[in-house]
Amino acid sequence: FVVGGPDGDAGLTGRKIIVDTYGGAAPHGGGAFSGKDPTKVDRS
């Protein structure tokens, strides 16, 4: 695993919503958190 990071795979904001929360142990509403100010209820 020498070639990694964005050189190995492209990255996007909001694609790790299960990692960000409970690892699949609980439901998720589908909205990502990062890049959003706290008026966005997805986050707050």
All heavy atoms as atom14 arrays in JSON, in Angstrom:
{
  "sequence": "FVVGGPDGDAGLTGRKIIVDTYGGAAPHGGGAFSGKDPTKVDRS",
  "atom14_mask": [
    [1, 1, 1, 1, 1, 1, 1, 1, 1, 1, 1, 0, 0, 0],
    [1, 1, 1, 1, 1, 1, 1, 0, 0, 0, 0, 0, 0, 0],
    [1, 1, 1, 1, 1, 1, 1, 0, 0, 0, 0, 0, 0, 0],
    [1, 1, 1, 1, 0, 0, 0, 0, 0, 0, 0, 0, 0, 0],
    [1, 1, 1, 1, 0, 0, 0, 0, 0, 0, 0, 0, 0, 0],
    [1, 1, 1, 1, 1, 1, 1, 0, 0, 0, 0, 0, 0, 0],
    [1, 1, 1, 1, 1, 1, 1, 1, 0, 0, 0, 0, 0, 0],
    [1, 1, 1, 1, 0, 0, 0, 0, 0, 0, 0, 0, 0, 0],
    [1, 1, 1, 1, 1, 1, 1, 1, 0, 0, 0, 0, 0, 0],
    [1, 1, 1, 1, 1, 0, 0, 0, 0, 0, 0, 0, 0, 0],
    [1, 1, 1, 1, 0, 0, 0, 0, 0, 0, 0, 0, 0, 0],
    [1, 1, 1, 1, 1, 1, 1, 1, 0, 0, 0, 0, 0, 0],
    [1, 1, 1, 1, 1, 1, 1, 0, 0, 0, 0, 0, 0, 0],
    [1, 1, 1, 1, 0, 0, 0, 0, 0, 0, 0, 0, 0, 0],
    [1, 1, 1, 1, 1, 1, 1, 1, 1, 1, 1, 0, 0, 0],
    [1, 1, 1, 1, 1, 1, 1, 1, 1, 0, 0, 0, 0, 0],
    [1, 1, 1, 1, 1, 1, 1, 1, 0, 0, 0, 0, 0, 0],
    [1, 1, 1, 1, 1, 1, 1, 1, 0, 0, 0, 0, 0, 0],
    [1, 1, 1, 1, 1, 1, 1, 0, 0, 0, 0, 0, 0, 0],
    [1, 1, 1, 1, 1, 1, 1, 1, 0, 0, 0, 0, 0, 0],
    [1, 1, 1, 1, 1, 1, 1, 0, 0, 0, 0, 0, 0, 0],
    [1, 1, 1, 1, 1, 1, 1, 1, 1, 1, 1, 1, 0, 0],
    [1, 1, 1, 1, 0, 0, 0, 0, 0, 0, 0, 0, 0, 0],
    [1, 1, 1, 1, 0, 0, 0, 0, 0, 0, 0, 0, 0, 0],
    [1, 1, 1, 1, 1, 0, 0, 0, 0, 0, 0, 0, 0, 0],
    [1, 1, 1, 1, 1, 0, 0, 0, 0, 0, 0, 0, 0, 0],
    [1, 1, 1, 1, 1, 1, 1, 0, 0, 0, 0, 0, 0, 0],
    [1, 1, 1, 1, 1, 1, 1, 1, 1, 1, 0, 0, 0, 0],
    [1, 1, 1, 1, 0, 0, 0, 0, 0, 0, 0, 0, 0, 0],
    [1, 1, 1, 1, 0, 0, 0, 0, 0, 0, 0, 0, 0, 0],
    [1, 1, 1, 1, 0, 0, 0, 0, 0, 0, 0, 0, 0, 0],
    [1, 1, 1, 1, 1, 0, 0, 0, 0, 0, 0, 0, 0, 0],
    [1, 1, 1, 1, 1, 1, 1, 1, 1, 1, 1, 0, 0, 0],
    [1, 1, 1, 1, 1, 1, 0, 0, 0, 0, 0, 0, 0, 0],
    [1, 1, 1, 1, 0, 0, 0, 0, 0, 0, 0, 0, 0, 0],
    [1, 1, 1, 1, 1, 1, 1, 1, 1, 0, 0, 0, 0, 0],
    [1, 1, 1, 1, 1, 1, 1, 1, 0, 0, 0, 0, 0, 0],
    [1, 1, 1, 1, 1, 1, 1, 0, 0, 0, 0, 0, 0, 0],
    [1, 1, 1, 1, 1, 1, 1, 0, 0, 0, 0, 0, 0, 0],
    [1, 1, 1, 1, 1, 1, 1, 1, 1, 0, 0, 0, 0, 0],
    [1, 1, 1, 1, 1, 1, 1, 0, 0, 0, 0, 0, 0, 0],
    [1, 1, 1, 1, 1, 1, 1, 1, 0, 0, 0, 0, 0, 0],
    [1, 1, 1, 1, 1, 1, 1, 1, 1, 1, 1, 0, 0, 0],
    [1, 1, 1, 1, 1, 1, 0, 0, 0, 0, 0, 0, 0, 0]
  ],
  "atom14_positions": [
    [[0.86, -1.19, 0.0], [0.0, 0.0, 0.0], [0.9, 1.24, 0.0], [0.98, 1.97, 0.98], [-0.92, -0.04, 1.22], [-1.97, 1.04, 1.29], [-2.17, 1.95, 0.25], [-2.77, 1.15, 2.42], [-3.14, 2.94, 0.35], [-3.75, 2.14, 2.52], [-3.92, 3.02, 1.48], [0.0, 0.0, 0.0], [0.0, 0.0, 0.0], [0.0, 0.0, 0.0]],
    [[1.6, 1.44, -1.1], [2.53, 2.57, -1.24], [1.83, 3.79, -1.82], [1.96, 4.91, -1.31], [3.75, 2.18, -2.1], [4.63, 3.4, -2.38], [4.56, 1.1, -1.39], [0.0, 0.0, 0.0], [0.0, 0.0, 0.0], [0.0, 0.0, 0.0], [0.0, 0.0, 0.0], [0.0, 0.0, 0.0], [0.0, 0.0, 0.0], [0.0, 0.0, 0.0]],
    [[1.08, 3.59, -2.89], [0.32, 4.68, -3.5], [-0.99, 4.82, -2.74], [-1.81, 3.91, -2.72], [0.04, 4.42, -4.99], [-0.79, 5.56, -5.58], [1.36, 4.28, -5.75], [0.0, 0.0, 0.0], [0.0, 0.0, 0.0], [0.0, 0.0, 0.0], [0.0, 0.0, 0.0], [0.0, 0.0, 0.0], [0.0, 0.0, 0.0], [0.0, 0.0, 0.0]],
    [[-1.18, 5.96, -2.08], [-2.38, 6.14, -1.27], [-2.84, 7.58, -1.29], [-2.41, 8.39, -2.11], [0.0, 0.0, 0.0], [0.0, 0.0, 0.0], [0.0, 0.0, 0.0], [0.0, 0.0, 0.0], [0.0, 0.0, 0.0], [0.0, 0.0, 0.0], [0.0, 0.0, 0.0], [0.0, 0.0, 0.0], [0.0, 0.0, 0.0], [0.0, 0.0, 0.0]],
    [[-3.73, 7.9, -0.35], [-4.3, 9.25, -0.33], [-5.05, 9.55, -1.61], [-5.43, 8.64, -2.35], [0.0, 0.0, 0.0], [0.0, 0.0, 0.0], [0.0, 0.0, 0.0], [0.0, 0.0, 0.0], [0.0, 0.0, 0.0], [0.0, 0.0, 0.0], [0.0, 0.0, 0.0], [0.0, 0.0, 0.0], [0.0, 0.0, 0.0], [0.0, 0.0, 0.0]],
    [[-5.25, 10.82, -1.92], [-5.99, 11.19, -3.13], [-5.31, 10.76, -4.42], [-5.94, 10.75, -5.48], [-6.07, 12.71, -3.04], [-5.99, 12.99, -1.56], [-5.01, 11.99, -1.04], [0.0, 0.0, 0.0], [0.0, 0.0, 0.0], [0.0, 0.0, 0.0], [0.0, 0.0, 0.0], [0.0, 0.0, 0.0], [0.0, 0.0, 0.0], [0.0, 0.0, 0.0]],
    [[-4.03, 10.41, -4.36], [-3.34, 9.9, -5.55], [-3.78, 8.48, -5.86], [-3.71, 8.03, -7.01], [-1.83, 9.95, -5.33], [-1.05, 9.69, -6.61], [-1.54, 10.04, -7.7], [0.08, 9.16, -6.51], [0.0, 0.0, 0.0], [0.0, 0.0, 0.0], [0.0, 0.0, 0.0], [0.0, 0.0, 0.0], [0.0, 0.0, 0.0], [0.0, 0.0, 0.0]],
    [[-4.25, 7.76, -4.84], [-4.74, 6.4, -5.04], [-6.23, 6.33, -5.28], [-6.7, 5.55, -6.11], [0.0, 0.0, 0.0], [0.0, 0.0, 0.0], [0.0, 0.0, 0.0], [0.0, 0.0, 0.0], [0.0, 0.0, 0.0], [0.0, 0.0, 0.0], [0.0, 0.0, 0.0], [0.0, 0.0, 0.0], [0.0, 0.0, 0.0], [0.0, 0.0, 0.0]],
    [[-6.99, 7.15, -4.56], [-8.45, 7.21, -4.68], [-8.91, 8.64, -4.5], [-8.47, 9.32, -3.55], [-9.13, 6.33, -3.62], [-8.88, 4.85, -3.84], [-9.49, 4.28, -4.75], [-8.07, 4.28, -3.08], [0.0, 0.0, 0.0], [0.0, 0.0, 0.0], [0.0, 0.0, 0.0], [0.0, 0.0, 0.0], [0.0, 0.0, 0.0], [0.0, 0.0, 0.0]],
    [[-9.81, 9.1, -5.33], [-10.37, 10.43, -5.16], [-11.18, 10.5, -3.87], [-11.76, 9.51, -3.41], [-11.26, 10.79, -6.35], [0.0, 0.0, 0.0], [0.0, 0.0, 0.0], [0.0, 0.0, 0.0], [0.0, 0.0, 0.0], [0.0, 0.0, 0.0], [0.0, 0.0, 0.0], [0.0, 0.0, 0.0], [0.0, 0.0, 0.0], [0.0, 0.0, 0.0]],
    [[-11.22, 11.69, -3.27], [-11.97, 11.89, -2.04], [-13.07, 12.92, -2.22], [-12.96, 13.82, -3.07], [0.0, 0.0, 0.0], [0.0, 0.0, 0.0], [0.0, 0.0, 0.0], [0.0, 0.0, 0.0], [0.0, 0.0, 0.0], [0.0, 0.0, 0.0], [0.0, 0.0, 0.0], [0.0, 0.0, 0.0], [0.0, 0.0, 0.0], [0.0, 0.0, 0.0]],
    [[-14.14, 12.79, -1.43], [-15.25, 13.73, -1.45], [-15.73, 13.99, -0.02], [-15.73, 13.07, 0.81], [-16.43, 13.19, -2.26], [-16.28, 13.12, -3.77], [-17.44, 12.32, -4.36], [-16.26, 14.51, -4.37], [0.0, 0.0, 0.0], [0.0, 0.0, 0.0], [0.0, 0.0, 0.0], [0.0, 0.0, 0.0], [0.0, 0.0, 0.0], [0.0, 0.0, 0.0]],
    [[-16.18, 15.19, 0.23], [-16.82, 15.5, 1.51], [-18.08, 14.66, 1.69], [-18.85, 14.46, 0.75], [-17.2, 17.0, 1.57], [-16.02, 17.78, 1.41], [-17.84, 17.35, 2.89], [0.0, 0.0, 0.0], [0.0, 0.0, 0.0], [0.0, 0.0, 0.0], [0.0, 0.0, 0.0], [0.0, 0.0, 0.0], [0.0, 0.0, 0.0], [0.0, 0.0, 0.0]],
    [[-18.29, 14.17, 2.9], [-19.56, 13.55, 3.26], [-19.75, 12.12, 2.85], [-20.88, 11.61, 2.87], [0.0, 0.0, 0.0], [0.0, 0.0, 0.0], [0.0, 0.0, 0.0], [0.0, 0.0, 0.0], [0.0, 0.0, 0.0], [0.0, 0.0, 0.0], [0.0, 0.0, 0.0], [0.0, 0.0, 0.0], [0.0, 0.0, 0.0], [0.0, 0.0, 0.0]],
    [[-18.67, 11.41, 2.51], [-18.82, 10.01, 2.09], [-18.56, 9.01, 3.21], [-18.6, 7.79, 2.97], [-17.88, 9.7, 0.92], [-18.42, 10.19, -0.39], [-17.88, 9.38, -1.56], [-16.43, 9.35, -1.63], [-15.75, 9.04, -2.73], [-16.4, 8.75, -3.86], [-14.43, 9.02, -2.73], [0.0, 0.0, 0.0], [0.0, 0.0, 0.0], [0.0, 0.0, 0.0]],
    [[-18.3, 9.49, 4.41], [-18.01, 8.57, 5.52], [-18.98, 8.8, 6.67], [-18.59, 8.94, 7.83], [-16.55, 8.73, 5.97], [-15.55, 8.15, 4.98], [-15.66, 6.65, 4.89], [-14.75, 6.04, 3.84], [-15.29, 6.2, 2.48], [0.0, 0.0, 0.0], [0.0, 0.0, 0.0], [0.0, 0.0, 0.0], [0.0, 0.0, 0.0], [0.0, 0.0, 0.0]],
    [[-20.28, 8.83, 6.35], [-21.27, 9.18, 7.35], [-21.45, 8.1, 8.41], [-21.82, 8.4, 9.55], [-22.63, 9.53, 6.7], [-23.18, 8.36, 5.88], [-22.5, 10.78, 5.84], [-24.58, 8.63, 5.3], [0.0, 0.0, 0.0], [0.0, 0.0, 0.0], [0.0, 0.0, 0.0], [0.0, 0.0, 0.0], [0.0, 0.0, 0.0], [0.0, 0.0, 0.0]],
    [[-21.19, 6.85, 8.09], [-21.3, 5.79, 9.08], [-20.07, 5.8, 9.99], [-20.17, 5.61, 11.21], [-21.5, 4.42, 8.42], [-22.77, 4.44, 7.56], [-21.58, 3.31, 9.46], [-24.04, 4.82, 8.3], [0.0, 0.0, 0.0], [0.0, 0.0, 0.0], [0.0, 0.0, 0.0], [0.0, 0.0, 0.0], [0.0, 0.0, 0.0], [0.0, 0.0, 0.0]],
    [[-18.9, 6.03, 9.41], [-17.68, 6.22, 10.21], [-17.85, 7.4, 11.16], [-17.43, 7.36, 12.32], [-16.46, 6.44, 9.28], [-15.25, 6.9, 10.08], [-16.14, 5.17, 8.51], [0.0, 0.0, 0.0], [0.0, 0.0, 0.0], [0.0, 0.0, 0.0], [0.0, 0.0, 0.0], [0.0, 0.0, 0.0], [0.0, 0.0, 0.0], [0.0, 0.0, 0.0]],
    [[-18.49, 8.47, 10.69], [-18.66, 9.68, 11.5], [-19.58, 9.48, 12.69], [-19.55, 10.26, 13.64], [-19.23, 10.81, 10.64], [-18.21, 11.44, 9.72], [-17.0, 11.27, 9.96], [-18.62, 12.12, 8.76], [0.0, 0.0, 0.0], [0.0, 0.0, 0.0], [0.0, 0.0, 0.0], [0.0, 0.0, 0.0], [0.0, 0.0, 0.0], [0.0, 0.0, 0.0]],
    [[-20.44, 8.45, 12.63], [-21.49, 8.33, 13.64], [-21.31, 7.07, 14.5], [-20.49, 7.09, 15.41], [-22.87, 8.38, 12.97], [-22.94, 7.4, 11.9], [-23.14, 9.76, 12.38], [0.0, 0.0, 0.0], [0.0, 0.0, 0.0], [0.0, 0.0, 0.0], [0.0, 0.0, 0.0], [0.0, 0.0, 0.0], [0.0, 0.0, 0.0], [0.0, 0.0, 0.0]],
    [[-22.03, 6.0, 14.2], [-22.09, 4.86, 15.13], [-21.65, 3.54, 14.5], [-21.91, 2.47, 15.03], [-23.53, 4.74, 15.67], [-24.01, 6.04, 16.26], [-24.92, 6.86, 15.56], [-23.53, 6.49, 17.49], [-25.34, 8.07, 16.09], [-23.94, 7.71, 18.02], [-24.84, 8.5, 17.32], [-25.25, 9.71, 17.84], [0.0, 0.0, 0.0], [0.0, 0.0, 0.0]],
    [[-20.98, 3.63, 13.37], [-20.41, 2.43, 12.76], [-21.43, 1.41, 12.3], [-21.13, 0.22, 12.2], [0.0, 0.0, 0.0], [0.0, 0.0, 0.0], [0.0, 0.0, 0.0], [0.0, 0.0, 0.0], [0.0, 0.0, 0.0], [0.0, 0.0, 0.0], [0.0, 0.0, 0.0], [0.0, 0.0, 0.0], [0.0, 0.0, 0.0], [0.0, 0.0, 0.0]],
    [[-22.66, 1.86, 12.01], [-23.7, 0.96, 11.56], [-24.52, 0.35, 12.68], [-25.47, -0.39, 12.42], [0.0, 0.0, 0.0], [0.0, 0.0, 0.0], [0.0, 0.0, 0.0], [0.0, 0.0, 0.0], [0.0, 0.0, 0.0], [0.0, 0.0, 0.0], [0.0, 0.0, 0.0], [0.0, 0.0, 0.0], [0.0, 0.0, 0.0], [0.0, 0.0, 0.0]],
    [[-24.2, 0.67, 13.93], [-24.93, 0.11, 15.06], [-26.26, 0.81, 15.32], [-27.05, 0.35, 16.13], [-24.06, 0.17, 16.32], [0.0, 0.0, 0.0], [0.0, 0.0, 0.0], [0.0, 0.0, 0.0], [0.0, 0.0, 0.0], [0.0, 0.0, 0.0], [0.0, 0.0, 0.0], [0.0, 0.0, 0.0], [0.0, 0.0, 0.0], [0.0, 0.0, 0.0]],
    [[-26.48, 1.93, 14.65], [-27.71, 2.7, 14.83], [-28.15, 3.25, 13.48], [-27.35, 3.33, 12.54], [-27.47, 3.85, 15.81], [0.0, 0.0, 0.0], [0.0, 0.0, 0.0], [0.0, 0.0, 0.0], [0.0, 0.0, 0.0], [0.0, 0.0, 0.0], [0.0, 0.0, 0.0], [0.0, 0.0, 0.0], [0.0, 0.0, 0.0], [0.0, 0.0, 0.0]],
    [[-29.42, 3.66, 13.36], [-29.88, 4.23, 12.09], [-29.16, 5.54, 11.76], [-28.6, 6.2, 12.63], [-31.38, 4.49, 12.35], [-31.73, 3.69, 13.54], [-30.5, 3.58, 14.36], [0.0, 0.0, 0.0], [0.0, 0.0, 0.0], [0.0, 0.0, 0.0], [0.0, 0.0, 0.0], [0.0, 0.0, 0.0], [0.0, 0.0, 0.0], [0.0, 0.0, 0.0]],
    [[-29.21, 5.89, 10.48], [-28.64, 7.17, 10.01], [-29.63, 7.81, 9.06], [-30.2, 7.14, 8.21], [-27.3, 6.93, 9.31], [-26.48, 8.17, 9.14], [-26.87, 9.23, 8.35], [-25.28, 8.52, 9.67], [-25.95, 10.18, 8.4], [-24.98, 9.78, 9.2], [0.0, 0.0, 0.0], [0.0, 0.0, 0.0], [0.0, 0.0, 0.0], [0.0, 0.0, 0.0]],
    [[-29.81, 9.12, 9.2], [-30.77, 9.83, 8.35], [-30.27, 10.12, 6.96], [-31.05, 10.54, 6.09], [0.0, 0.0, 0.0], [0.0, 0.0, 0.0], [0.0, 0.0, 0.0], [0.0, 0.0, 0.0], [0.0, 0.0, 0.0], [0.0, 0.0, 0.0], [0.0, 0.0, 0.0], [0.0, 0.0, 0.0], [0.0, 0.0, 0.0], [0.0, 0.0, 0.0]],
    [[-28.97, 9.94, 6.7], [-28.42, 10.11, 5.36], [-27.68, 11.4, 5.13], [-26.95, 11.53, 4.14], [0.0, 0.0, 0.0], [0.0, 0.0, 0.0], [0.0, 0.0, 0.0], [0.0, 0.0, 0.0], [0.0, 0.0, 0.0], [0.0, 0.0, 0.0], [0.0, 0.0, 0.0], [0.0, 0.0, 0.0], [0.0, 0.0, 0.0], [0.0, 0.0, 0.0]],
    [[-27.86, 12.39, 5.98], [-27.19, 13.67, 5.79], [-25.81, 13.69, 6.4], [-25.61, 13.23, 7.53], [0.0, 0.0, 0.0], [0.0, 0.0, 0.0], [0.0, 0.0, 0.0], [0.0, 0.0, 0.0], [0.0, 0.0, 0.0], [0.0, 0.0, 0.0], [0.0, 0.0, 0.0], [0.0, 0.0, 0.0], [0.0, 0.0, 0.0], [0.0, 0.0, 0.0]],
    [[-24.85, 14.23, 5.65], [-23.48, 14.37, 6.16], [-23.38, 15.61, 7.04], [-24.27, 16.46, 7.06], [-22.5, 14.45, 5.0], [0.0, 0.0, 0.0], [0.0, 0.0, 0.0], [0.0, 0.0, 0.0], [0.0, 0.0, 0.0], [0.0, 0.0, 0.0], [0.0, 0.0, 0.0], [0.0, 0.0, 0.0], [0.0, 0.0, 0.0], [0.0, 0.0, 0.0]],
    [[-22.26, 15.72, 7.77], [-22.05, 16.82, 8.71], [-21.08, 17.87, 8.18], [-21.34, 19.07, 8.29], [-21.5, 16.28, 10.04], [-22.37, 15.26, 10.72], [-21.8, 14.34, 11.59], [-23.73, 15.2, 10.51], [-22.58, 13.4, 12.24], [-24.53, 14.26, 11.14], [-23.94, 13.36, 12.02], [0.0, 0.0, 0.0], [0.0, 0.0, 0.0], [0.0, 0.0, 0.0]],
    [[-19.94, 17.42, 7.68], [-18.84, 18.34, 7.41], [-19.16, 19.33, 6.3], [-19.89, 19.02, 5.35], [-17.56, 17.56, 7.06], [-17.09, 16.87, 8.19], [0.0, 0.0, 0.0], [0.0, 0.0, 0.0], [0.0, 0.0, 0.0], [0.0, 0.0, 0.0], [0.0, 0.0, 0.0], [0.0, 0.0, 0.0], [0.0, 0.0, 0.0], [0.0, 0.0, 0.0]],
    [[-18.63, 20.53, 6.44], [-18.84, 21.6, 5.47], [-20.11, 22.38, 5.7], [-20.44, 23.27, 4.91], [0.0, 0.0, 0.0], [0.0, 0.0, 0.0], [0.0, 0.0, 0.0], [0.0, 0.0, 0.0], [0.0, 0.0, 0.0], [0.0, 0.0, 0.0], [0.0, 0.0, 0.0], [0.0, 0.0, 0.0], [0.0, 0.0, 0.0], [0.0, 0.0, 0.0]],
    [[-20.83, 22.1, 6.8], [-22.12, 22.74, 7.05], [-22.08, 23.53, 8.36], [-21.65, 23.01, 9.4], [-23.22, 21.67, 7.14], [-23.4, 20.88, 5.85], [-24.4, 19.76, 6.0], [-24.55, 18.97, 4.71], [-25.48, 17.83, 4.84], [0.0, 0.0, 0.0], [0.0, 0.0, 0.0], [0.0, 0.0, 0.0], [0.0, 0.0, 0.0], [0.0, 0.0, 0.0]],
    [[-22.56, 24.77, 8.3], [-22.68, 25.56, 9.53], [-23.84, 25.01, 10.36], [-24.66, 24.23, 9.87], [-22.9, 27.03, 9.18], [-24.31, 27.31, 8.68], [-25.22, 27.41, 9.51], [-24.49, 27.42, 7.44], [0.0, 0.0, 0.0], [0.0, 0.0, 0.0], [0.0, 0.0, 0.0], [0.0, 0.0, 0.0], [0.0, 0.0, 0.0], [0.0, 0.0, 0.0]],
    [[-23.93, 25.39, 11.65], [-24.9, 24.75, 12.54], [-26.37, 25.12, 12.33], [-27.23, 24.58, 13.03], [-24.43, 25.16, 13.94], [-23.65, 26.41, 13.73], [-22.99, 26.24, 12.4], [0.0, 0.0, 0.0], [0.0, 0.0, 0.0], [0.0, 0.0, 0.0], [0.0, 0.0, 0.0], [0.0, 0.0, 0.0], [0.0, 0.0, 0.0], [0.0, 0.0, 0.0]],
    [[-26.7, 25.99, 11.36], [-28.12, 26.15, 11.02], [-28.6, 24.96, 10.2], [-29.82, 24.75, 10.07], [-28.39, 27.44, 10.21], [-27.75, 27.35, 8.93], [-27.92, 28.67, 10.96], [0.0, 0.0, 0.0], [0.0, 0.0, 0.0], [0.0, 0.0, 0.0], [0.0, 0.0, 0.0], [0.0, 0.0, 0.0], [0.0, 0.0, 0.0], [0.0, 0.0, 0.0]],
    [[-27.66, 24.19, 9.65], [-28.03, 22.99, 8.9], [-28.35, 21.88, 9.9], [-27.46, 21.38, 10.6], [-26.9, 22.54, 7.98], [-26.84, 23.23, 6.63], [-26.4, 24.65, 6.7], [-26.09, 25.23, 5.32], [-25.73, 26.66, 5.4], [0.0, 0.0, 0.0], [0.0, 0.0, 0.0], [0.0, 0.0, 0.0], [0.0, 0.0, 0.0], [0.0, 0.0, 0.0]],
    [[-29.61, 21.47, 9.96], [-30.01, 20.48, 10.96], [-29.43, 19.1, 10.69], [-29.4, 18.26, 11.6], [-31.55, 20.42, 11.1], [-32.06, 21.62, 11.87], [-32.23, 20.28, 9.75], [0.0, 0.0, 0.0], [0.0, 0.0, 0.0], [0.0, 0.0, 0.0], [0.0, 0.0, 0.0], [0.0, 0.0, 0.0], [0.0, 0.0, 0.0], [0.0, 0.0, 0.0]],
    [[-28.96, 18.83, 9.47], [-28.23, 17.59, 9.24], [-27.15, 17.43, 10.3], [-26.91, 16.31, 10.79], [-27.54, 17.62, 7.86], [-28.45, 17.15, 6.75], [-29.48, 16.53, 7.04], [-28.13, 17.43, 5.58], [0.0, 0.0, 0.0], [0.0, 0.0, 0.0], [0.0, 0.0, 0.0], [0.0, 0.0, 0.0], [0.0, 0.0, 0.0], [0.0, 0.0, 0.0]],
    [[-26.53, 18.53, 10.63], [-25.45, 18.52, 11.61], [-25.97, 18.77, 13.03], [-25.82, 17.94, 13.92], [-24.41, 19.57, 11.23], [-23.25, 19.67, 12.19], [-22.1, 20.52, 11.68], [-20.84, 19.81, 11.9], [-19.73, 20.02, 11.23], [-19.69, 20.91, 10.25], [-18.64, 19.32, 11.51], [0.0, 0.0, 0.0], [0.0, 0.0, 0.0], [0.0, 0.0, 0.0]],
    [[-26.58, 19.93, 13.24], [-26.91, 20.35, 14.6], [-27.96, 19.44, 15.25], [-27.87, 19.13, 16.45], [-27.39, 21.8, 14.61], [-28.48, 21.99, 13.74], [0.0, 0.0, 0.0], [0.0, 0.0, 0.0], [0.0, 0.0, 0.0], [0.0, 0.0, 0.0], [0.0, 0.0, 0.0], [0.0, 0.0, 0.0], [0.0, 0.0, 0.0], [0.0, 0.0, 0.0]]
  ]
}
